[in-house]
Amino acid sequence: MSLPIPRSYLFVPGNRPDRFAKGLASGADVVILDLEDAVPPTEKAAARRHVAAWVSKEHPVAVRVNAFGTEWFADDVDICRALGVAAVMVPKAEHEHQLAVIGDRLGRAMPILPIIETALGVWHAEPLARAPGVTRLVFGALDLALDLQVTSDEGLAAFRSQVVLVSRVVGLAPPIDVPTTSFTDPDRVRAEAQRARAMGFGGKLCIHPAQITPVHEAFVPSDEEVTWARRVLAADAASAGSATALDGEMVDRPVVARARAVLARLR
């Protein structure tokens, strides 16, 4: 049986070691110790030391390193050799050779999560997705909007769909969506996660533990969806596999497959 696909990825600043254990206790599917955006330049080295001292195979975490080409990238990757690092998240991924450098420096296979957040990253999404070690793509809306000078979320819809399409074509799990910037409005978090799910995403980044529950709720089928799916499968079974109708709508193979996918998400 396949393992559940993570829905929530919680960022914990690498310069706040007092929050590491709290992050693990938050209920997030994956905890990411962040060495990039959450850490100011003057604290990068200290954050790296904190992460290196804390990671352990007893509590595996992902680590977001600084981008390829920055002065911190190589040292960040080097600490990911520790057995407690379960994945490396790579910001501003643009070329597959950048990801190959990570494998070369680590000297072992490591799950890699490239963040697609620049125009070049979107343009090269497919080769990035096919790079050795890549297990899932991450969509970085905020930086991409800045790079493209897009001022509305609607302007990014095509690029979201591109990342979803590439993930499907290459055979990766559905991609991870950008975090909601508000952590005091659970309804907004839930709504944005539901929208991401409707567009084909399978998980969402979180910047605060308060976002985890609404994210999880968004990626679990609603009671109405579950009821519909069970009725579809019952109608299909009663028809012995022939096309039939339910509530005035045809039930054929694609509809049955969709119903099975809804129930599979319950597991």
C-alpha atoms as a PDB file:
ATOM      1  CA  MET A   1       0.000   0.000   0.000  1.00  0.00           C
ATOM      2  CA  SER A   2       1.343   3.434  -0.948  1.00  0.00           C
ATOM      3  CA  LEU A   3       2.084   5.967   1.763  1.00  0.00           C
ATOM      4  CA  PRO A   4      -0.220   8.994   2.123  1.00  0.00           C
ATOM      5  CA  ILE A   5       0.897  12.049   0.172  1.00  0.00           C
ATOM      6  CA  PRO A   6       1.797  14.913   2.561  1.00  0.00           C
ATOM      7  CA  ARG A   7      -0.718  17.745   2.545  1.00  0.00           C
ATOM      8  CA  SER A   8       0.954  20.269   4.874  1.00  0.00           C
ATOM      9  CA  TYR A   9       4.559  21.487   4.905  1.00  0.00           C
ATOM     10  CA  LEU A  10       5.329  23.771   7.860  1.00  0.00           C
ATOM     11  CA  PHE A  11       8.226  26.224   7.672  1.00  0.00           C
ATOM     12  CA  VAL A  12      10.183  26.741  10.903  1.00  0.00           C
ATOM     13  CA  PRO A  13      12.913  29.445  10.864  1.00  0.00           C
ATOM     14  CA  GLY A  14      16.375  27.928  11.147  1.00  0.00           C
ATOM     15  CA  ASN A  15      17.455  30.698  13.505  1.00  0.00           C
ATOM     16  CA  ARG A  16      14.752  29.731  16.022  1.00  0.00           C
ATOM     17  CA  PRO A  17      15.883  26.391  17.492  1.00  0.00           C
ATOM     18  CA  ASP A  18      13.352  26.887  20.302  1.00  0.00           C
ATOM     19  CA  ARG A  19      10.634  26.252  17.712  1.00  0.00           C
ATOM     20  CA  PHE A  20      12.052  23.077  16.138  1.00  0.00           C
ATOM     21  CA  ALA A  21      10.411  20.600  18.521  1.00  0.00           C
ATOM     22  CA  LYS A  22       7.210  22.656  18.545  1.00  0.00           C
ATOM     23  CA  GLY A  23       7.102  22.344  14.778  1.00  0.00           C
ATOM     24  CA  LEU A  24       7.300  18.581  15.006  1.00  0.00           C
ATOM     25  CA  ALA A  25       4.488  18.553  17.554  1.00  0.00           C
ATOM     26  CA  SER A  26       2.266  20.785  15.391  1.00  0.00           C
ATOM     27  CA  GLY A  27       0.646  17.996  13.410  1.00  0.00           C
ATOM     28  CA  ALA A  28       2.166  19.068  10.093  1.00  0.00           C
ATOM     29  CA  ASP A  29       2.823  16.238   7.670  1.00  0.00           C
ATOM     30  CA  VAL A  30       6.317  17.620   6.953  1.00  0.00           C
ATOM     31  CA  VAL A  31       8.405  20.156   8.898  1.00  0.00           C
ATOM     32  CA  ILE A  32      10.856  22.313   6.921  1.00  0.00           C
ATOM     33  CA  LEU A  33      13.724  23.951   8.776  1.00  0.00           C
ATOM     34  CA  ASP A  34      14.206  27.111   6.749  1.00  0.00           C
ATOM     35  CA  LEU A  35      17.626  28.599   6.030  1.00  0.00           C
ATOM     36  CA  GLU A  36      16.382  30.943   3.302  1.00  0.00           C
ATOM     37  CA  ASP A  37      13.663  33.610   3.471  1.00  0.00           C
ATOM     38  CA  ALA A  38      12.948  33.295   7.196  1.00  0.00           C
ATOM     39  CA  VAL A  39      16.577  33.995   8.147  1.00  0.00           C
ATOM     40  CA  PRO A  40      18.305  37.400   7.705  1.00  0.00           C
ATOM     41  CA  PRO A  41      21.771  37.374   6.113  1.00  0.00           C
ATOM     42  CA  THR A  42      23.507  38.184   9.402  1.00  0.00           C
ATOM     43  CA  GLU A  43      22.058  35.024  10.990  1.00  0.00           C
ATOM     44  CA  LYS A  44      22.573  32.530   8.153  1.00  0.00           C
ATOM     45  CA  ALA A  45      25.668  30.896   9.650  1.00  0.00           C
ATOM     46  CA  ALA A  46      24.118  30.628  13.116  1.00  0.00           C
ATOM     47  CA  ALA A  47      20.919  29.148  11.679  1.00  0.00           C
ATOM     48  CA  ARG A  48      22.952  26.550   9.820  1.00  0.00           C
ATOM     49  CA  ARG A  49      24.718  25.571  13.046  1.00  0.00           C
ATOM     50  CA  HIS A  50      21.393  25.286  14.884  1.00  0.00           C
ATOM     51  CA  VAL A  51      19.948  23.008  12.201  1.00  0.00           C
ATOM     52  CA  ALA A  52      23.069  20.857  11.985  1.00  0.00           C
ATOM     53  CA  ALA A  53      23.125  20.401  15.749  1.00  0.00           C
ATOM     54  CA  TRP A  54      19.446  19.463  16.005  1.00  0.00           C
ATOM     55  CA  VAL A  55      18.614  17.185  13.065  1.00  0.00           C
ATOM     56  CA  SER A  56      18.493  13.499  13.870  1.00  0.00           C
ATOM     57  CA  LYS A  57      17.131  10.310  12.343  1.00  0.00           C
ATOM     58  CA  GLU A  58      14.754  10.193  15.337  1.00  0.00           C
ATOM     59  CA  HIS A  59      12.956  13.303  14.049  1.00  0.00           C
ATOM     60  CA  PRO A  60      13.459  13.636  10.275  1.00  0.00           C
ATOM     61  CA  VAL A  61      12.762  17.016   8.678  1.00  0.00           C
ATOM     62  CA  ALA A  62      13.195  18.738   5.345  1.00  0.00           C
ATOM     63  CA  VAL A  63      15.618  21.655   4.976  1.00  0.00           C
ATOM     64  CA  ARG A  64      15.139  24.629   2.672  1.00  0.00           C
ATOM     65  CA  VAL A  65      18.589  25.734   1.573  1.00  0.00           C
ATOM     66  CA  ASN A  66      19.468  29.090   0.077  1.00  0.00           C
ATOM     67  CA  ALA A  67      19.312  29.402  -3.693  1.00  0.00           C
ATOM     68  CA  PHE A  68      21.967  28.107  -6.054  1.00  0.00           C
ATOM     69  CA  GLY A  69      24.543  30.825  -6.685  1.00  0.00           C
ATOM     70  CA  THR A  70      24.240  32.475  -3.280  1.00  0.00           C
ATOM     71  CA  GLU A  71      27.183  32.511  -0.898  1.00  0.00           C
ATOM     72  CA  TRP A  72      25.309  30.209   1.499  1.00  0.00           C
ATOM     73  CA  PHE A  73      24.195  27.476  -0.912  1.00  0.00           C
ATOM     74  CA  ALA A  74      27.166  25.096  -0.690  1.00  0.00           C
ATOM     75  CA  ASP A  75      27.427  25.155   3.108  1.00  0.00           C
ATOM     76  CA  ASP A  76      23.657  24.714   3.421  1.00  0.00           C
ATOM     77  CA  VAL A  77      23.726  21.644   1.205  1.00  0.00           C
ATOM     78  CA  ASP A  78      26.670  20.172   3.077  1.00  0.00           C
ATOM     79  CA  ILE A  79      24.773  20.002   6.380  1.00  0.00           C
ATOM     80  CA  CYS A  80      22.029  18.054   4.601  1.00  0.00           C
ATOM     81  CA  ARG A  81      24.292  15.003   4.712  1.00  0.00           C
ATOM     82  CA  ALA A  82      22.978  14.432   8.247  1.00  0.00           C
ATOM     83  CA  LEU A  83      20.724  11.396   8.560  1.00  0.00           C
ATOM     84  CA  GLY A  84      17.941  13.520  10.020  1.00  0.00           C
ATOM     85  CA  VAL A  85      17.483  15.432   6.766  1.00  0.00           C
ATOM     86  CA  ALA A  86      14.716  13.684   4.838  1.00  0.00           C
ATOM     87  CA  ALA A  87      14.497  16.102   1.876  1.00  0.00           C
ATOM     88  CA  VAL A  88      16.072  19.257   0.462  1.00  0.00           C
ATOM     89  CA  MET A  89      13.845  22.102  -0.703  1.00  0.00           C
ATOM     90  CA  VAL A  90      15.524  24.259  -3.346  1.00  0.00           C
ATOM     91  CA  PRO A  91      14.293  27.838  -3.909  1.00  0.00           C
ATOM     92  CA  LYS A  92      14.378  29.537  -7.311  1.00  0.00           C
ATOM     93  CA  ALA A  93      15.199  26.303  -9.122  1.00  0.00           C
ATOM     94  CA  GLU A  94      15.792  27.102 -12.799  1.00  0.00           C
ATOM     95  CA  HIS A  95      18.088  24.458 -14.320  1.00  0.00           C
ATOM     96  CA  GLU A  96      18.441  20.732 -13.712  1.00  0.00           C
ATOM     97  CA  HIS A  97      22.214  21.052 -13.309  1.00  0.00           C
ATOM     98  CA  GLN A  98      21.584  23.075 -10.135  1.00  0.00           C
ATOM     99  CA  LEU A  99      19.841  20.039  -8.664  1.00  0.00           C
ATOM    100  CA  ALA A 100      22.595  17.727  -9.868  1.00  0.00           C
ATOM    101  CA  VAL A 101      25.089  19.750  -7.814  1.00  0.00           C
ATOM    102  CA  ILE A 102      23.105  18.850  -4.700  1.00  0.00           C
ATOM    103  CA  GLY A 103      23.342  15.133  -5.422  1.00  0.00           C
ATOM    104  CA  ASP A 104      27.059  15.439  -6.122  1.00  0.00           C
ATOM    105  CA  ARG A 105      27.749  17.298  -2.882  1.00  0.00           C
ATOM    106  CA  LEU A 106      25.640  14.952  -0.765  1.00  0.00           C
ATOM    107  CA  GLY A 107      27.088  11.793  -2.272  1.00  0.00           C
ATOM    108  CA  ARG A 108      23.815   9.926  -1.759  1.00  0.00           C
ATOM    109  CA  ALA A 109      20.270   9.880  -3.031  1.00  0.00           C
ATOM    110  CA  MET A 110      18.100  12.546  -1.439  1.00  0.00           C
ATOM    111  CA  PRO A 111      14.498  13.590  -2.163  1.00  0.00           C
ATOM    112  CA  ILE A 112      14.536  17.067  -3.719  1.00  0.00           C
ATOM    113  CA  LEU A 113      11.681  19.589  -3.756  1.00  0.00           C
ATOM    114  CA  PRO A 114      12.391  22.354  -6.310  1.00  0.00           C
ATOM    115  CA  ILE A 115      10.423  25.573  -5.889  1.00  0.00           C
ATOM    116  CA  ILE A 116       9.206  26.916  -9.229  1.00  0.00           C
ATOM    117  CA  GLU A 117       9.159  30.662  -8.577  1.00  0.00           C
ATOM    118  CA  THR A 118      10.809  32.391 -11.529  1.00  0.00           C
ATOM    119  CA  ALA A 119      10.005  32.689 -15.211  1.00  0.00           C
ATOM    120  CA  LEU A 120      12.965  30.440 -16.052  1.00  0.00           C
ATOM    121  CA  GLY A 121      11.773  27.924 -13.489  1.00  0.00           C
ATOM    122  CA  VAL A 122       8.371  27.709 -15.166  1.00  0.00           C
ATOM    123  CA  TRP A 123      10.022  27.511 -18.598  1.00  0.00           C
ATOM    124  CA  HIS A 124      12.205  24.600 -17.442  1.00  0.00           C
ATOM    125  CA  ALA A 125       9.613  22.931 -15.204  1.00  0.00           C
ATOM    126  CA  GLU A 126       9.651  19.650 -17.109  1.00  0.00           C
ATOM    127  CA  PRO A 127      13.435  19.036 -17.051  1.00  0.00           C
ATOM    128  CA  LEU A 128      13.458  20.107 -13.405  1.00  0.00           C
ATOM    129  CA  ALA A 129      10.707  17.592 -12.651  1.00  0.00           C
ATOM    130  CA  ARG A 130      12.639  14.840 -14.444  1.00  0.00           C
ATOM    131  CA  ALA A 131      15.917  15.570 -12.610  1.00  0.00           C
ATOM    132  CA  PRO A 132      17.223  12.715 -10.415  1.00  0.00           C
ATOM    133  CA  GLY A 133      15.894  12.848  -6.881  1.00  0.00           C
ATOM    134  CA  VAL A 134      12.968  15.175  -7.532  1.00  0.00           C
ATOM    135  CA  THR A 135       9.846  13.858  -5.805  1.00  0.00           C
ATOM    136  CA  ARG A 136       7.498  16.832  -6.015  1.00  0.00           C
ATOM    137  CA  LEU A 137       7.335  20.382  -7.391  1.00  0.00           C
ATOM    138  CA  VAL A 138       6.513  23.432  -5.287  1.00  0.00           C
ATOM    139  CA  PHE A 139       4.791  26.506  -6.715  1.00  0.00           C
ATOM    140  CA  GLY A 140       6.199  29.819  -5.474  1.00  0.00           C
ATOM    141  CA  ALA A 141       3.557  32.408  -6.409  1.00  0.00           C
ATOM    142  CA  LEU A 142       4.953  35.440  -4.592  1.00  0.00           C
ATOM    143  CA  ASP A 143       8.396  35.464  -6.176  1.00  0.00           C
ATOM    144  CA  LEU A 144       7.006  34.440  -9.557  1.00  0.00           C
ATOM    145  CA  ALA A 145       4.547  37.337  -9.518  1.00  0.00           C
ATOM    146  CA  LEU A 146       7.414  39.690  -8.735  1.00  0.00           C
ATOM    147  CA  ASP A 147       9.565  38.237 -11.515  1.00  0.00           C
ATOM    148  CA  LEU A 148       6.754  38.510 -14.068  1.00  0.00           C
ATOM    149  CA  GLN A 149       5.397  41.825 -12.738  1.00  0.00           C
ATOM    150  CA  VAL A 150       1.981  40.196 -12.341  1.00  0.00           C
ATOM    151  CA  THR A 151      -0.244  42.093  -9.920  1.00  0.00           C
ATOM    152  CA  SER A 152      -3.157  39.660  -9.523  1.00  0.00           C
ATOM    153  CA  ASP A 153      -3.407  36.019  -8.544  1.00  0.00           C
ATOM    154  CA  GLU A 154      -5.493  35.382 -11.669  1.00  0.00           C
ATOM    155  CA  GLY A 155      -2.458  36.318 -13.738  1.00  0.00           C
ATOM    156  CA  LEU A 156      -0.638  33.271 -12.342  1.00  0.00           C
ATOM    157  CA  ALA A 157      -3.382  30.736 -13.125  1.00  0.00           C
ATOM    158  CA  ALA A 158      -1.749  29.510 -16.332  1.00  0.00           C
ATOM    159  CA  PHE A 159       1.562  28.934 -14.575  1.00  0.00           C
ATOM    160  CA  ARG A 160      -0.114  27.059 -11.719  1.00  0.00           C
ATOM    161  CA  SER A 161      -1.730  24.795 -14.296  1.00  0.00           C
ATOM    162  CA  GLN A 162       1.615  24.318 -16.034  1.00  0.00           C
ATOM    163  CA  VAL A 163       3.193  23.015 -12.823  1.00  0.00           C
ATOM    164  CA  VAL A 164       0.226  20.687 -12.261  1.00  0.00           C
ATOM    165  CA  LEU A 165       0.418  19.430 -15.859  1.00  0.00           C
ATOM    166  CA  VAL A 166       4.158  18.810 -15.743  1.00  0.00           C
ATOM    167  CA  SER A 167       3.849  16.925 -12.459  1.00  0.00           C
ATOM    168  CA  ARG A 168       1.221  14.635 -13.954  1.00  0.00           C
ATOM    169  CA  VAL A 169       3.102  14.036 -17.210  1.00  0.00           C
ATOM    170  CA  VAL A 170       6.352  13.194 -15.398  1.00  0.00           C
ATOM    171  CA  GLY A 171       4.601  11.011 -12.822  1.00  0.00           C
ATOM    172  CA  LEU A 172       5.226  13.076  -9.701  1.00  0.00           C
ATOM    173  CA  ALA A 173       2.747  13.529  -6.862  1.00  0.00           C
ATOM    174  CA  PRO A 174       0.512  16.602  -7.296  1.00  0.00           C
ATOM    175  CA  PRO A 175       2.499  19.769  -6.555  1.00  0.00           C
ATOM    176  CA  ILE A 176       2.593  21.848  -3.371  1.00  0.00           C
ATOM    177  CA  ASP A 177       0.975  25.281  -3.328  1.00  0.00           C
ATOM    178  CA  VAL A 178       2.330  28.558  -1.965  1.00  0.00           C
ATOM    179  CA  PRO A 179       1.499  29.462   1.670  1.00  0.00           C
ATOM    180  CA  THR A 180      -1.341  31.803   2.556  1.00  0.00           C
ATOM    181  CA  THR A 181       0.178  35.009   3.907  1.00  0.00           C
ATOM    182  CA  SER A 182      -2.421  35.348   6.685  1.00  0.00           C
ATOM    183  CA  PHE A 183      -2.304  32.977   9.640  1.00  0.00           C
ATOM    184  CA  THR A 184      -5.077  34.635  11.659  1.00  0.00           C
ATOM    185  CA  ASP A 185      -7.862  33.866   9.172  1.00  0.00           C
ATOM    186  CA  PRO A 186      -8.479  30.086   8.984  1.00  0.00           C
ATOM    187  CA  ASP A 187     -11.367  30.555   6.556  1.00  0.00           C
ATOM    188  CA  ARG A 188      -9.063  32.261   4.084  1.00  0.00           C
ATOM    189  CA  VAL A 189      -6.434  29.538   4.497  1.00  0.00           C
ATOM    190  CA  ARG A 190      -9.065  26.845   3.934  1.00  0.00           C
ATOM    191  CA  ALA A 191     -10.518  28.631   0.903  1.00  0.00           C
ATOM    192  CA  GLU A 192      -7.107  29.085  -0.729  1.00  0.00           C
ATOM    193  CA  ALA A 193      -6.232  25.451  -0.057  1.00  0.00           C
ATOM    194  CA  GLN A 194      -9.558  24.325  -1.538  1.00  0.00           C
ATOM    195  CA  ARG A 195      -8.863  26.432  -4.615  1.00  0.00           C
ATOM    196  CA  ALA A 196      -5.425  24.864  -4.920  1.00  0.00           C
ATOM    197  CA  ARG A 197      -6.928  21.388  -4.642  1.00  0.00           C
ATOM    198  CA  ALA A 198      -9.496  22.258  -7.316  1.00  0.00           C
ATOM    199  CA  MET A 199      -6.620  23.266  -9.628  1.00  0.00           C
ATOM    200  CA  GLY A 200      -4.850  19.939  -9.128  1.00  0.00           C
ATOM    201  CA  PHE A 201      -2.500  20.633  -6.222  1.00  0.00           C
ATOM    202  CA  GLY A 202      -2.034  18.024  -3.527  1.00  0.00           C
ATOM    203  CA  GLY A 203      -0.566  20.009  -0.635  1.00  0.00           C
ATOM    204  CA  LYS A 204       0.221  23.465   0.688  1.00  0.00           C
ATOM    205  CA  LEU A 205       3.063  25.234   2.424  1.00  0.00           C
ATOM    206  CA  CYS A 206       2.310  26.677   5.874  1.00  0.00           C
ATOM    207  CA  ILE A 207       4.043  29.508   7.727  1.00  0.00           C
ATOM    208  CA  HIS A 208       2.262  29.038  11.067  1.00  0.00           C
ATOM    209  CA  PRO A 209       0.873  26.020  12.964  1.00  0.00           C
ATOM    210  CA  ALA A 210      -2.585  27.629  12.926  1.00  0.00           C
ATOM    211  CA  GLN A 211      -2.732  27.001   9.172  1.00  0.00           C
ATOM    212  CA  ILE A 212      -2.299  23.238   9.419  1.00  0.00           C
ATOM    213  CA  THR A 213      -5.828  22.223  10.384  1.00  0.00           C
ATOM    214  CA  PRO A 214      -7.620  24.246   7.668  1.00  0.00           C
ATOM    215  CA  VAL A 215      -5.122  22.945   5.095  1.00  0.00           C
ATOM    216  CA  HIS A 216      -5.772  19.351   6.142  1.00  0.00           C
ATOM    217  CA  GLU A 217      -9.512  19.948   6.039  1.00  0.00           C
ATOM    218  CA  ALA A 218      -9.286  21.356   2.521  1.00  0.00           C
ATOM    219  CA  PHE A 219      -7.494  18.309   1.164  1.00  0.00           C
ATOM    220  CA  VAL A 220      -9.945  15.815   2.692  1.00  0.00           C
ATOM    221  CA  PRO A 221     -13.157  15.219   0.711  1.00  0.00           C
ATOM    222  CA  SER A 222     -16.254  16.877   2.134  1.00  0.00           C
ATOM    223  CA  ASP A 223     -19.178  14.822   3.427  1.00  0.00           C
ATOM    224  CA  GLU A 224     -21.099  15.751   0.290  1.00  0.00           C
ATOM    225  CA  GLU A 225     -18.282  14.519  -1.956  1.00  0.00           C
ATOM    226  CA  VAL A 226     -18.024  11.242  -0.060  1.00  0.00           C
ATOM    227  CA  THR A 227     -21.782  10.667  -0.217  1.00  0.00           C
ATOM    228  CA  TRP A 228     -21.774  11.394  -3.950  1.00  0.00           C
ATOM    229  CA  ALA A 229     -18.840   9.051  -4.566  1.00  0.00           C
ATOM    230  CA  ARG A 230     -20.435   6.177  -2.674  1.00  0.00           C
ATOM    231  CA  ARG A 231     -23.710   6.626  -4.531  1.00  0.00           C
ATOM    232  CA  VAL A 232     -21.855   6.626  -7.856  1.00  0.00           C
ATOM    233  CA  LEU A 233     -20.053   3.399  -7.022  1.00  0.00           C
ATOM    234  CA  ALA A 234     -23.279   1.806  -5.825  1.00  0.00           C
ATOM    235  CA  ALA A 235     -25.030   2.779  -9.068  1.00  0.00           C
ATOM    236  CA  ASP A 236     -22.114   1.446 -11.076  1.00  0.00           C
ATOM    237  CA  ALA A 237     -22.168  -1.862  -9.206  1.00  0.00           C
ATOM    238  CA  ALA A 238     -25.923  -2.191  -9.734  1.00  0.00           C
ATOM    239  CA  SER A 239     -25.505  -1.634 -13.470  1.00  0.00           C
ATOM    240  CA  ALA A 240     -22.824  -4.361 -13.704  1.00  0.00           C
ATOM    241  CA  GLY A 241     -20.401  -1.919 -15.277  1.00  0.00           C
ATOM    242  CA  SER A 242     -22.710  -0.575 -17.977  1.00  0.00           C
ATOM    243  CA  ALA A 243     -23.302   3.146 -18.360  1.00  0.00           C
ATOM    244  CA  THR A 244     -26.123   4.254 -16.084  1.00  0.00           C
ATOM    245  CA  ALA A 245     -27.602   7.434 -14.647  1.00  0.00           C
ATOM    246  CA  LEU A 246     -27.688   9.058 -11.217  1.00  0.00           C
ATOM    247  CA  ASP A 247     -29.738  12.159 -10.423  1.00  0.00           C
ATOM    248  CA  GLY A 248     -30.280  12.701 -14.122  1.00  0.00           C
ATOM    249  CA  GLU A 249     -26.575  12.591 -15.013  1.00  0.00           C
ATOM    250  CA  MET A 250     -24.726   9.826 -16.821  1.00  0.00           C
ATOM    251  CA  VAL A 251     -22.388   7.611 -14.820  1.00  0.00           C
ATOM    252  CA  ASP A 252     -19.662   6.280 -17.106  1.00  0.00           C
ATOM    253  CA  ARG A 253     -16.033   5.219 -16.635  1.00  0.00           C
ATOM    254  CA  PRO A 254     -14.538   8.714 -16.020  1.00  0.00           C
ATOM    255  CA  VAL A 255     -17.219   9.486 -13.425  1.00  0.00           C
ATOM    256  CA  VAL A 256     -16.608   6.166 -11.656  1.00  0.00           C
ATOM    257  CA  ALA A 257     -12.851   6.817 -11.681  1.00  0.00           C
ATOM    258  CA  ARG A 258     -13.433  10.257 -10.153  1.00  0.00           C
ATOM    259  CA  ALA A 259     -15.603   8.728  -7.415  1.00  0.00           C
ATOM    260  CA  ARG A 260     -12.899   6.202  -6.593  1.00  0.00           C
ATOM    261  CA  ALA A 261     -10.327   8.997  -6.429  1.00  0.00           C
ATOM    262  CA  VAL A 262     -12.505  10.887  -3.927  1.00  0.00           C
ATOM    263  CA  LEU A 263     -12.708   7.859  -1.635  1.00  0.00           C
ATOM    264  CA  ALA A 264      -8.990   7.174  -2.048  1.00  0.00           C
ATOM    265  CA  ARG A 265      -8.274  10.637  -0.591  1.00  0.00           C
ATOM    266  CA  LEU A 266     -10.008   9.559   2.607  1.00  0.00           C
ATOM    267  CA  ARG A 267      -7.150   7.126   3.177  1.00  0.00           C
END
